[in-house]
Protein backbone atom coordinates (compact mmCIF):
# COMPACT_ATOMS: atom_id res chain seq x y z
CA MET A 1 -23.19 -4.38 19.88
CA LYS A 2 -25.66 -3.00 17.35
CA LYS A 3 -22.80 -1.96 15.08
CA LEU A 4 -21.26 -5.43 15.33
CA LEU A 5 -24.57 -7.15 14.54
CA PHE A 6 -25.03 -4.86 11.55
CA CYS A 7 -21.60 -5.87 10.23
CA LEU A 8 -22.40 -9.55 10.73
CA LEU A 9 -25.76 -9.33 8.98
CA ALA A 10 -24.22 -7.43 6.08
CA ALA A 11 -21.45 -10.00 5.78
CA ALA A 12 -23.90 -12.91 5.85
CA SER A 13 -26.15 -11.41 3.19
CA ALA A 14 -23.43 -10.06 0.91
CA GLY A 15 -23.40 -13.03 -1.45
CA VAL A 16 -27.18 -13.43 -1.81
CA PHE A 17 -27.54 -11.09 -4.76
CA ALA A 18 -24.19 -11.89 -6.40
CA GLN A 19 -24.46 -12.58 -10.12
CA GLU A 20 -23.05 -15.75 -11.57
CA PRO A 21 -20.00 -15.34 -13.81
CA LYS A 22 -20.86 -15.60 -17.52
CA ASN A 23 -17.39 -16.13 -18.97
CA PRO A 24 -14.46 -18.28 -17.86
CA ILE A 25 -11.52 -16.34 -16.45
CA LYS A 26 -8.00 -17.31 -17.48
CA HIS A 27 -6.12 -14.23 -16.25
CA LEU A 28 -7.18 -12.39 -13.10
CA PHE A 29 -5.49 -9.23 -11.82
CA LEU A 30 -6.42 -7.85 -8.40
CA PHE A 31 -4.82 -4.50 -7.50
CA ILE A 32 -5.11 -3.23 -3.93
CA GLY A 33 -4.19 0.29 -2.95
CA ASP A 34 -3.56 0.03 0.78
CA GLY A 35 -5.17 3.04 2.42
CA MET A 36 -6.62 4.17 -0.93
CA SER A 37 -10.18 5.45 -1.00
CA VAL A 38 -11.97 8.13 -3.00
CA PRO A 39 -9.84 11.11 -1.84
CA GLN A 40 -6.56 9.40 -2.73
CA ARG A 41 -7.82 8.33 -6.14
CA MET A 42 -9.33 11.72 -6.92
CA THR A 43 -6.34 13.75 -5.71
CA ALA A 44 -4.16 11.69 -8.04
CA GLU A 45 -6.77 12.05 -10.78
CA GLU A 46 -6.75 15.84 -10.61
CA TYR A 47 -2.96 15.95 -10.46
CA SER A 48 -2.67 13.57 -13.41
CA ARG A 49 -5.04 15.62 -15.54
CA LYS A 50 -3.24 18.89 -14.78
CA ALA A 51 0.13 17.26 -15.46
CA GLY A 52 -1.05 16.22 -18.93
CA ARG A 53 -1.13 12.50 -18.10
CA GLY A 54 -4.89 12.30 -18.52
CA PRO A 55 -7.28 10.51 -16.15
CA LEU A 56 -6.16 7.57 -14.05
CA ALA A 57 -6.51 4.21 -15.75
CA MET A 58 -8.07 2.75 -12.60
CA ASN A 59 -10.72 5.49 -12.63
CA SER A 60 -11.54 4.96 -16.31
CA MET A 61 -12.76 1.39 -15.95
CA PRO A 62 -16.38 0.76 -17.01
CA TYR A 63 -17.70 -0.75 -13.76
CA THR A 64 -17.59 0.72 -10.25
CA ALA A 65 -18.69 -0.54 -6.84
CA THR A 66 -18.77 1.40 -3.60
CA THR A 67 -17.24 -1.01 -1.12
CA ARG A 68 -17.84 -1.24 2.61
CA THR A 69 -14.76 -2.06 4.69
CA CYS A 70 -15.71 -2.84 8.32
CA SER A 71 -14.08 -5.83 10.02
CA PHE A 72 -15.76 -8.43 12.23
CA ASP A 73 -15.12 -6.46 15.40
CA SER A 74 -14.76 -2.84 14.29
CA LEU A 75 -16.25 -0.32 11.89
CA VAL A 76 -12.66 0.79 11.29
CA THR A 77 -10.70 -2.13 9.91
CA ASP A 78 -7.00 -2.77 9.97
CA SER A 79 -5.17 -4.08 6.90
CA ALA A 80 -5.02 -7.70 8.10
CA ALA A 81 -8.77 -8.05 8.55
CA ALA A 82 -9.46 -6.12 5.35
CA ALA A 83 -7.06 -8.27 3.32
CA THR A 84 -8.62 -11.43 4.76
CA ALA A 85 -12.08 -10.22 3.74
CA ILE A 86 -10.95 -9.28 0.23
CA ALA A 87 -8.93 -12.47 -0.20
CA CYS A 88 -11.05 -15.06 1.58
CA GLY A 89 -14.60 -13.69 1.59
CA GLN A 90 -15.22 -13.64 5.34
CA LYS A 91 -15.01 -10.92 7.97
CA THR A 92 -12.50 -11.47 10.74
CA LYS A 93 -11.04 -9.62 13.71
CA ASN A 94 -8.54 -6.82 13.34
CA HIS A 95 -4.96 -8.15 13.37
CA TYR A 96 -6.05 -11.59 12.08
CA SER A 97 -4.56 -12.80 8.78
CA GLY A 98 -6.25 -15.59 6.85
CA VAL A 99 -8.20 -16.97 9.81
CA ASP A 100 -11.78 -16.55 10.96
CA PRO A 101 -12.75 -14.85 14.26
CA ASP A 102 -12.17 -18.17 16.06
CA GLY A 103 -8.68 -18.53 14.59
CA LYS A 104 -9.59 -21.27 12.11
CA PRO A 105 -7.89 -21.14 8.68
CA LEU A 106 -9.61 -19.43 5.76
CA TYR A 107 -8.64 -19.98 2.15
CA SER A 108 -8.23 -17.20 -0.37
CA SER A 109 -9.17 -16.79 -4.00
CA ALA A 110 -5.44 -17.16 -4.73
CA TYR A 111 -5.50 -20.54 -2.97
CA PHE A 112 -8.58 -21.55 -5.00
CA ALA A 113 -6.79 -20.54 -8.19
CA LYS A 114 -3.69 -22.55 -7.26
CA LYS A 115 -5.74 -25.64 -6.41
CA ALA A 116 -7.52 -25.31 -9.76
CA GLY A 117 -4.18 -25.46 -11.58
CA TYR A 118 -3.51 -21.75 -12.18
CA LYS A 119 -0.21 -20.06 -11.38
CA VAL A 120 -0.31 -17.49 -8.58
CA GLY A 121 1.68 -14.31 -8.00
CA ILE A 122 1.68 -12.03 -4.94
CA ILE A 123 3.30 -8.60 -5.29
CA SER A 124 3.69 -5.68 -2.89
CA THR A 125 5.72 -2.50 -2.51
CA VAL A 126 6.00 -3.14 1.23
CA THR A 127 7.29 -6.29 2.92
CA ILE A 128 5.84 -9.41 1.34
CA THR A 129 4.94 -10.68 4.84
CA HIS A 130 2.93 -7.52 5.57
CA ALA A 131 -0.79 -7.61 6.31
CA THR A 132 -2.23 -7.29 2.80
CA PRO A 133 -0.16 -9.93 0.99
CA ALA A 134 -0.34 -12.21 4.04
CA GLY A 135 -4.13 -12.30 3.78
CA PHE A 136 -3.77 -14.33 0.58
CA TYR A 137 -1.54 -17.13 1.90
CA ALA A 138 -1.06 -16.97 5.70
CA HIS A 139 -3.13 -18.33 8.59
CA ARG A 140 -2.23 -16.35 11.72
CA ASN A 141 -4.19 -14.64 14.49
CA ASN A 142 -1.37 -12.11 14.84
CA ARG A 143 -0.31 -10.11 11.80
CA GLY A 144 2.95 -9.36 13.61
CA ASP A 145 4.04 -13.00 13.55
CA TYR A 146 6.30 -12.29 10.59
CA TYR A 147 8.35 -15.43 11.00
CA GLY A 148 5.30 -17.66 11.04
CA ILE A 149 3.87 -15.76 8.09
CA ALA A 150 7.14 -16.23 6.20
CA LEU A 151 6.86 -19.97 6.77
CA ASP A 152 3.27 -19.90 5.53
CA LEU A 153 4.50 -18.09 2.42
CA ALA A 154 6.92 -20.87 1.59
CA ASP A 155 4.34 -23.54 2.42
CA SER A 156 1.77 -21.95 0.07
CA GLY A 157 3.56 -23.14 -3.05
CA PHE A 158 2.53 -19.99 -4.89
CA ASP A 159 4.71 -19.32 -7.90
CA PHE A 160 5.85 -15.70 -7.66
CA PHE A 161 6.46 -13.46 -4.66
CA ALA A 162 7.92 -10.04 -5.45
CA GLY A 163 8.37 -6.79 -3.53
CA GLY A 164 9.90 -5.89 -0.21
CA GLY A 165 11.63 -8.50 1.94
CA LEU A 166 10.25 -10.92 4.51
CA ASP A 167 10.82 -8.56 7.49
CA VAL A 168 11.67 -11.52 9.70
CA THR A 169 12.91 -10.59 13.16
CA ASP A 170 11.20 -13.20 15.35
CA LYS A 171 11.78 -16.96 15.07
CA SER A 172 9.63 -17.88 18.07
CA SER A 173 6.47 -18.87 16.21
CA LYS A 174 4.81 -21.41 18.51
CA ALA A 175 2.63 -22.68 15.68
CA HIS A 176 5.71 -23.85 13.79
CA LYS A 177 7.79 -25.55 16.48
CA GLN A 178 8.68 -28.25 13.97
CA TYR A 179 10.58 -25.61 12.00
CA ALA A 180 12.33 -24.08 15.02
CA ASP A 181 15.71 -25.28 13.78
CA CYS A 182 15.19 -24.39 10.11
CA GLY A 183 17.32 -21.26 10.44
CA ASP A 184 16.67 -18.23 8.32
CA ALA A 185 13.22 -17.98 6.74
CA TYR A 186 14.79 -17.34 3.37
CA GLU A 187 16.62 -20.66 3.67
CA TYR A 188 13.33 -22.33 4.45
CA ALA A 189 11.81 -20.81 1.31
CA LYS A 190 14.79 -22.05 -0.70
CA SER A 191 14.25 -25.52 0.72
CA LYS A 192 10.71 -25.33 -0.65
CA GLY A 193 12.02 -24.69 -4.14
CA TYR A 194 12.02 -20.89 -4.30
CA ARG A 195 14.73 -19.08 -6.22
CA LEU A 196 15.94 -16.09 -4.19
CA VAL A 197 16.43 -12.96 -6.32
CA THR A 198 18.36 -10.09 -4.75
CA THR A 199 19.05 -7.50 -7.48
CA LYS A 200 16.99 -5.63 -10.02
CA SER A 201 19.16 -6.85 -12.91
CA GLU A 202 18.77 -10.46 -11.82
CA PHE A 203 15.02 -9.94 -11.48
CA LEU A 204 14.57 -8.41 -14.93
CA ALA A 205 16.55 -11.30 -16.43
CA LEU A 206 14.24 -13.97 -14.99
CA LYS A 207 12.68 -16.49 -17.37
CA PRO A 208 9.60 -18.69 -16.82
CA SER A 209 11.88 -21.71 -16.76
CA ASP A 210 13.50 -20.36 -13.55
CA GLY A 211 10.61 -21.74 -11.50
CA LYS A 212 9.22 -20.33 -8.27
CA VAL A 213 10.58 -16.91 -7.28
CA LEU A 214 10.97 -14.94 -4.05
CA THR A 215 12.64 -11.52 -4.17
CA LYS A 216 14.94 -10.07 -1.54
CA PHE A 217 15.80 -6.60 -2.82
CA THR A 218 15.67 -5.47 0.81
CA ASN A 219 14.46 -6.82 4.14
CA LYS A 220 12.26 -3.76 4.39
CA ALA A 221 9.64 -2.14 2.18
CA LEU A 222 10.61 -0.91 -1.25
CA ASP A 223 11.30 2.81 -1.55
CA ASN A 224 8.48 5.30 -1.87
CA ALA A 225 7.94 6.17 -5.52
CA ILE A 226 8.98 9.76 -4.79
CA ASP A 227 12.30 8.56 -3.30
CA ALA A 228 13.08 5.86 -5.87
CA ASP A 229 16.55 6.02 -7.41
CA GLY A 230 16.10 3.24 -9.97
CA SER A 231 17.96 0.58 -8.00
CA GLN A 232 14.73 -1.28 -7.23
CA PRO A 233 12.01 -2.34 -9.69
CA THR A 234 8.90 -0.19 -9.88
CA LEU A 235 5.52 -1.73 -9.16
CA ALA A 236 4.83 -1.65 -12.90
CA GLU A 237 8.04 -3.58 -13.54
CA LEU A 238 7.11 -6.13 -10.89
CA VAL A 239 3.73 -6.66 -12.56
CA ARG A 240 5.23 -6.88 -16.05
CA LYS A 241 7.73 -9.51 -14.97
CA GLY A 242 5.01 -11.28 -13.03
CA ILE A 243 2.94 -11.63 -16.19
CA GLU A 244 5.93 -13.08 -18.02
CA MET A 245 6.63 -15.58 -15.26
CA LEU A 246 3.02 -16.63 -14.66
CA ASP A 247 1.50 -16.71 -18.13
CA CYS A 248 0.80 -20.30 -19.10
CA GLU A 249 -1.79 -22.45 -20.83
CA LYS A 250 -4.04 -22.71 -17.77
CA GLY A 251 -3.75 -19.06 -16.73
CA PHE A 252 -2.87 -17.10 -13.59
CA PHE A 253 -4.05 -15.11 -10.57
CA MET A 254 -2.08 -12.02 -9.57
CA MET A 255 -2.52 -9.73 -6.57
CA ALA A 256 -0.45 -6.54 -6.61
CA GLU A 257 -0.48 -4.10 -3.69
CA GLY A 258 0.51 -0.45 -3.59
CA GLY A 259 1.34 -0.66 0.10
CA ARG A 260 3.23 2.60 0.45
CA ILE A 261 0.03 4.58 -0.20
CA ASP A 262 -1.09 3.63 3.30
CA TRP A 263 2.21 4.55 4.93
CA ALA A 264 2.13 8.01 3.34
CA GLY A 265 -1.46 8.39 4.53
CA HIS A 266 -0.43 7.62 8.10
CA SER A 267 2.17 10.38 7.91
CA ASN A 268 -0.25 12.76 6.11
CA ASP A 269 2.33 13.23 3.36
CA ALA A 270 0.22 14.26 0.36
CA ALA A 271 2.93 14.42 -2.30
CA THR A 272 4.32 11.02 -1.32
CA ASN A 273 0.85 9.52 -1.20
CA LEU A 274 0.08 10.91 -4.65
CA ARG A 275 3.23 9.47 -6.25
CA ASP A 276 2.46 5.99 -4.93
CA VAL A 277 -1.11 6.13 -6.23
CA LEU A 278 0.32 7.08 -9.64
CA ALA A 279 2.81 4.19 -9.37
CA LEU A 280 -0.09 1.82 -8.72
CA ASP A 281 -1.91 3.25 -11.72
CA ASP A 282 1.15 2.67 -13.90
CA ALA A 283 1.03 -0.97 -12.84
CA VAL A 284 -2.68 -1.13 -13.69
CA LYS A 285 -1.79 0.15 -17.16
CA VAL A 286 0.54 -2.82 -17.64
CA ALA A 287 -2.35 -5.16 -16.87
CA LEU A 288 -4.61 -3.22 -19.24
CA GLU A 289 -2.08 -3.67 -22.05
CA PHE A 290 -2.26 -7.40 -21.43
CA GLN A 291 -6.06 -7.35 -21.21
CA GLU A 292 -6.34 -5.65 -24.60
CA LYS A 293 -4.51 -8.64 -26.12
CA HIS A 294 -6.67 -11.14 -24.19
CA PRO A 295 -10.04 -9.38 -23.87
CA ASP A 296 -12.30 -12.43 -23.61
CA ASP A 297 -10.76 -14.15 -20.62
CA THR A 298 -8.95 -11.45 -18.61
CA LEU A 299 -10.39 -9.55 -15.65
CA ILE A 300 -8.80 -6.58 -13.88
CA VAL A 301 -10.12 -5.39 -10.51
CA VAL A 302 -8.77 -2.40 -8.57
CA THR A 303 -9.79 -1.71 -4.99
CA GLY A 304 -8.57 -0.40 -1.63
CA ASP A 305 -8.61 -2.12 1.74
CA HIS A 306 -9.57 1.02 3.70
CA GLU A 307 -8.90 4.76 3.78
CA THR A 308 -5.96 6.16 5.72
CA GLY A 309 -5.50 9.67 7.09
CA GLY A 310 -8.98 11.12 6.68
CA MET A 311 -7.77 12.86 3.53
CA SER A 312 -9.98 15.62 2.11
CA MET A 313 -9.83 17.67 -1.05
CA GLY A 314 -10.33 21.15 0.30
CA PHE A 315 -8.83 23.18 3.12
CA ALA A 316 -10.03 26.34 4.82
CA GLY A 317 -6.85 28.23 3.99
CA THR A 318 -7.45 27.98 0.23
CA GLY A 319 -11.20 28.48 0.21
CA TYR A 320 -12.73 26.42 -2.59
CA ALA A 321 -9.48 26.09 -4.51
CA LEU A 322 -7.19 23.11 -5.05
CA TYR A 323 -3.63 23.46 -6.29
CA MET A 324 -2.48 19.96 -7.14
CA ASP A 325 0.35 21.28 -9.33
CA ARG A 326 2.13 22.60 -6.21
CA LEU A 327 2.83 19.01 -5.18
CA ASP A 328 5.41 18.96 -7.98
CA ASN A 329 7.67 21.03 -5.75
CA GLN A 330 8.17 18.21 -3.25
CA THR A 331 11.06 15.98 -4.32
CA MET A 332 11.31 13.52 -1.42
CA SER A 333 9.10 11.98 1.22
CA ALA A 334 8.83 13.65 4.61
CA GLY A 335 10.51 10.54 6.03
CA ALA A 336 13.49 10.82 3.70
CA PHE A 337 13.72 14.52 4.52
CA GLY A 338 13.74 13.70 8.23
CA ASP A 339 16.54 11.20 7.73
CA LYS A 340 18.64 13.82 5.97
CA VAL A 341 18.04 16.34 8.75
CA ASN A 342 19.04 13.75 11.36
CA LYS A 343 22.32 13.17 9.52
CA LEU A 344 22.93 16.91 9.60
CA PHE A 345 22.35 16.85 13.37
CA GLU A 346 24.83 14.01 13.76
CA ALA A 347 27.45 15.83 11.70
CA ASN A 348 26.86 19.18 13.38
CA PRO A 349 25.43 19.17 16.95
CA GLY A 350 25.18 22.96 16.76
CA LEU A 351 22.93 22.90 13.70
CA LYS A 352 20.98 26.13 13.15
CA PHE A 353 17.78 26.79 11.26
CA GLU A 354 19.72 28.78 8.66
CA ASP A 355 21.78 25.64 7.97
CA VAL A 356 18.73 23.58 6.93
CA LYS A 357 17.00 26.17 4.75
CA PRO A 358 18.64 24.90 1.53
CA LEU A 359 17.45 21.37 2.27
CA VAL A 360 13.91 22.61 2.99
CA THR A 361 13.86 24.38 -0.38
CA LYS A 362 15.22 21.31 -2.17
CA ALA A 363 12.79 18.92 -0.49
CA PHE A 364 9.58 20.96 -0.54
CA GLY A 365 10.20 23.91 -2.83
CA PHE A 366 9.53 26.39 -0.03
CA LYS A 367 11.06 29.84 -0.39
CA PHE A 368 12.07 32.09 2.45
CA GLU A 369 12.08 35.37 0.54
CA GLY A 370 9.76 36.96 -1.98
CA ASP A 371 6.13 37.98 -2.35
CA GLN A 372 3.78 35.24 -1.24
CA LYS A 373 0.97 36.65 -3.39
CA GLU A 374 3.11 36.34 -6.52
CA ASP A 375 4.74 33.02 -5.60
CA PRO A 376 2.66 30.68 -3.42
CA MET A 377 5.73 28.66 -2.47
CA VAL A 378 7.04 31.61 -0.45
CA LEU A 379 6.33 30.84 3.19
CA THR A 380 3.93 33.07 5.09
CA LYS A 381 4.90 34.33 8.54
CA GLU A 382 2.61 31.75 10.11
CA GLU A 383 4.01 28.88 8.03
CA LEU A 384 7.57 29.92 8.75
CA ALA A 385 6.81 30.13 12.46
CA ASP A 386 5.32 26.60 12.43
CA ILE A 387 8.29 24.93 10.80
CA LYS A 388 10.79 26.98 12.83
CA LYS A 389 9.05 25.88 16.04
CA ALA A 390 9.25 22.24 14.91
CA PHE A 391 12.94 22.61 14.11
CA ASP A 392 13.64 24.12 17.53
CA HIS A 393 11.84 21.18 19.13
CA ASP A 394 13.96 18.72 17.13
CA VAL A 395 17.15 20.45 18.28
CA GLU A 396 16.25 19.79 21.91
CA PHE A 397 14.92 16.30 21.21
CA HIS A 398 18.14 15.36 19.41
CA LYS A 399 20.16 16.61 22.36
CA SER A 400 18.17 14.30 24.63
CA LYS A 401 18.91 11.35 22.36
CA VAL A 402 22.66 11.95 22.53
CA GLU A 403 22.44 12.54 26.28
CA GLU A 404 23.18 16.26 26.11
CA ASN A 405 19.83 17.22 27.61
CA ALA A 406 18.83 14.77 30.34
CA LYS A 407 16.02 17.07 31.53
CA TYR A 408 14.13 17.00 28.21
CA ASP A 409 10.44 16.21 28.80
CA GLY A 410 8.86 17.17 25.44
CA GLU A 411 7.36 15.06 22.71
CA LYS A 412 9.68 12.16 21.96
CA ARG A 413 9.72 12.23 18.17
CA TYR A 414 11.07 14.46 15.44
CA LEU A 415 8.54 17.03 14.19
CA PHE A 416 10.36 19.10 11.54
CA GLY A 417 9.48 16.89 8.56
CA ASN A 418 5.89 16.59 9.70
CA ALA A 419 5.56 20.36 9.97
CA CYS A 420 6.90 20.82 6.44
CA ARG A 421 4.61 18.22 4.86
CA LEU A 422 1.62 19.80 6.68
CA VAL A 423 2.46 23.21 5.22
CA MET A 424 2.67 21.57 1.79
CA SER A 425 -0.78 20.00 2.21
CA HIS A 426 -2.26 23.32 3.24
CA LYS A 427 -0.71 25.13 0.28
CA CYS A 428 -2.31 22.58 -2.06
CA GLY A 429 -5.72 22.58 -0.39
CA ILE A 430 -5.50 19.08 1.06
CA GLY A 431 -6.77 18.40 4.57
CA TRP A 432 -6.21 15.50 6.97
CA SER A 433 -8.36 14.51 9.94
CA SER A 434 -6.38 11.53 11.21
CA GLY A 435 -3.08 9.72 11.26
CA ALA A 436 -4.89 6.39 11.28
CA HIS A 437 -7.43 4.41 9.29
CA THR A 438 -11.01 5.58 8.83
CA ALA A 439 -14.30 3.79 8.11
CA MET A 440 -14.78 5.52 4.76
CA PRO A 441 -15.88 3.15 1.97
CA VAL A 442 -13.52 2.56 -0.94
CA LEU A 443 -14.02 2.31 -4.68
CA THR A 444 -13.72 -0.97 -6.55
CA THR A 445 -13.41 -0.63 -10.33
CA ALA A 446 -13.21 -3.37 -12.93
CA LYS A 447 -12.66 -4.04 -16.60
CA GLY A 448 -12.73 -7.18 -18.71
CA ALA A 449 -14.52 -10.51 -18.55
CA ASN A 450 -17.27 -10.56 -15.89
CA SER A 451 -16.37 -7.03 -14.79
CA GLU A 452 -20.09 -6.21 -14.56
CA LEU A 453 -20.15 -8.26 -11.34
CA PHE A 454 -18.27 -5.43 -9.60
CA SER A 455 -20.90 -2.72 -9.47
CA GLY A 456 -23.36 -1.19 -7.01
CA PHE A 457 -22.83 -1.22 -3.25
CA ILE A 458 -20.90 -4.25 -2.04
CA GLU A 459 -19.05 -5.63 0.96
CA ASN A 460 -15.30 -6.20 0.70
CA THR A 461 -16.04 -9.90 1.19
CA ASP A 462 -17.98 -9.92 -2.08
CA ILE A 463 -14.72 -9.43 -4.00
CA ALA A 464 -13.41 -12.81 -2.85
CA LYS A 465 -16.76 -14.54 -3.30
CA LYS A 466 -17.00 -13.42 -6.90
CA MET A 467 -13.38 -14.35 -7.62
CA LYS A 468 -13.69 -17.79 -6.02
CA SER A 469 -16.67 -18.49 -8.27
CA PHE A 470 -14.33 -18.37 -11.28
CA TYR A 471 -12.46 -21.47 -10.12
CA GLU A 472 -13.92 -24.97 -10.04
CA LEU A 473 -12.36 -27.19 -7.38
């Protein structure tokens, strides 16, 4: 109860010391790295410097605020409550999207911008009905009500939705009984005037005269940056096209989320996490290019909704050393690796560890022979034993799934990919304490008009309060 009261008092007092904006804002970019806190930003920073890319653009902004992330009912927030706080300026319960703790609708800075005559774009690398984007347009007390959220998306009237698909599997939304016979949610969006874009080439060819846009490159999230094959737009390309489609005399509000950062944090996949942070930074650079041409009325803010994974820069096995360059050896996400192994199981029920060694080397750069002191990617006896044990487990688990081992009573998930990504983290000096969210504060950085407002120690709700102050309704 004391923790809850502390959160409530902090939320109530957050706006008291907020500065008034000095300059009108015509173009506002809000970037959210889902699951991105200090460790994720600094791991990518160190990697970027060693790779010759220089410091991250998001870390080079002139103003920084340490940002508290608790929700209304928990010190550890989920993405729905965090997005609602960042978007709408009020704490709410975990799993609530765009509503207060009593379930009453809240209205976001994006909504304020739209009502004030600005164009609005919402972008994400995960499904566009996921928790973070939903916080800017939806009003649901269940973040899993994807069908209802999809209807809220179409009802918002926002101008540009780009990223993963709608992820609609449930059409039983009680709150929208009047739309029960509307059919597919995409059709409902089309009925509201949205142009459905399904291919990268069609997307890149869009013109402002094409009107409101909703992308459907996939019904799922976009690929991890590390797994991307070029068939889908990058986050930077989504932002660049968004600028083209939204730029107008009045101006625009754009929220762009690097959602896959969080998913890689949940799986403790350091190399995959890193690549998606860099992909977000590439998108920030696109906004910075625009800001340099419009310095007096453009604001760029970069933040995270929470930290995921309990990531730490330092691991007992490497002493005080970090080896970010070793992450270069990983060429696919642990999830993609697991999918490839599963296909090998399906093609060859008698799969042996020797059969998967080439794939392990291709995916993670691990070597099974050589001197570990001379080549750190050579597996130690302990590391080899760990991944071999995980593979043996997966052999038996796969047999249980195809009904060849009815007596199986072990852990009911594949472990081989997880074991490999854990060895990679250890080799690089990266530690993980969780597979979930943590209460760690995040960094908020800003550049451009009124960027000085984003400094000091703030609540996540302050971000929305400051942004709403830019729009007169």
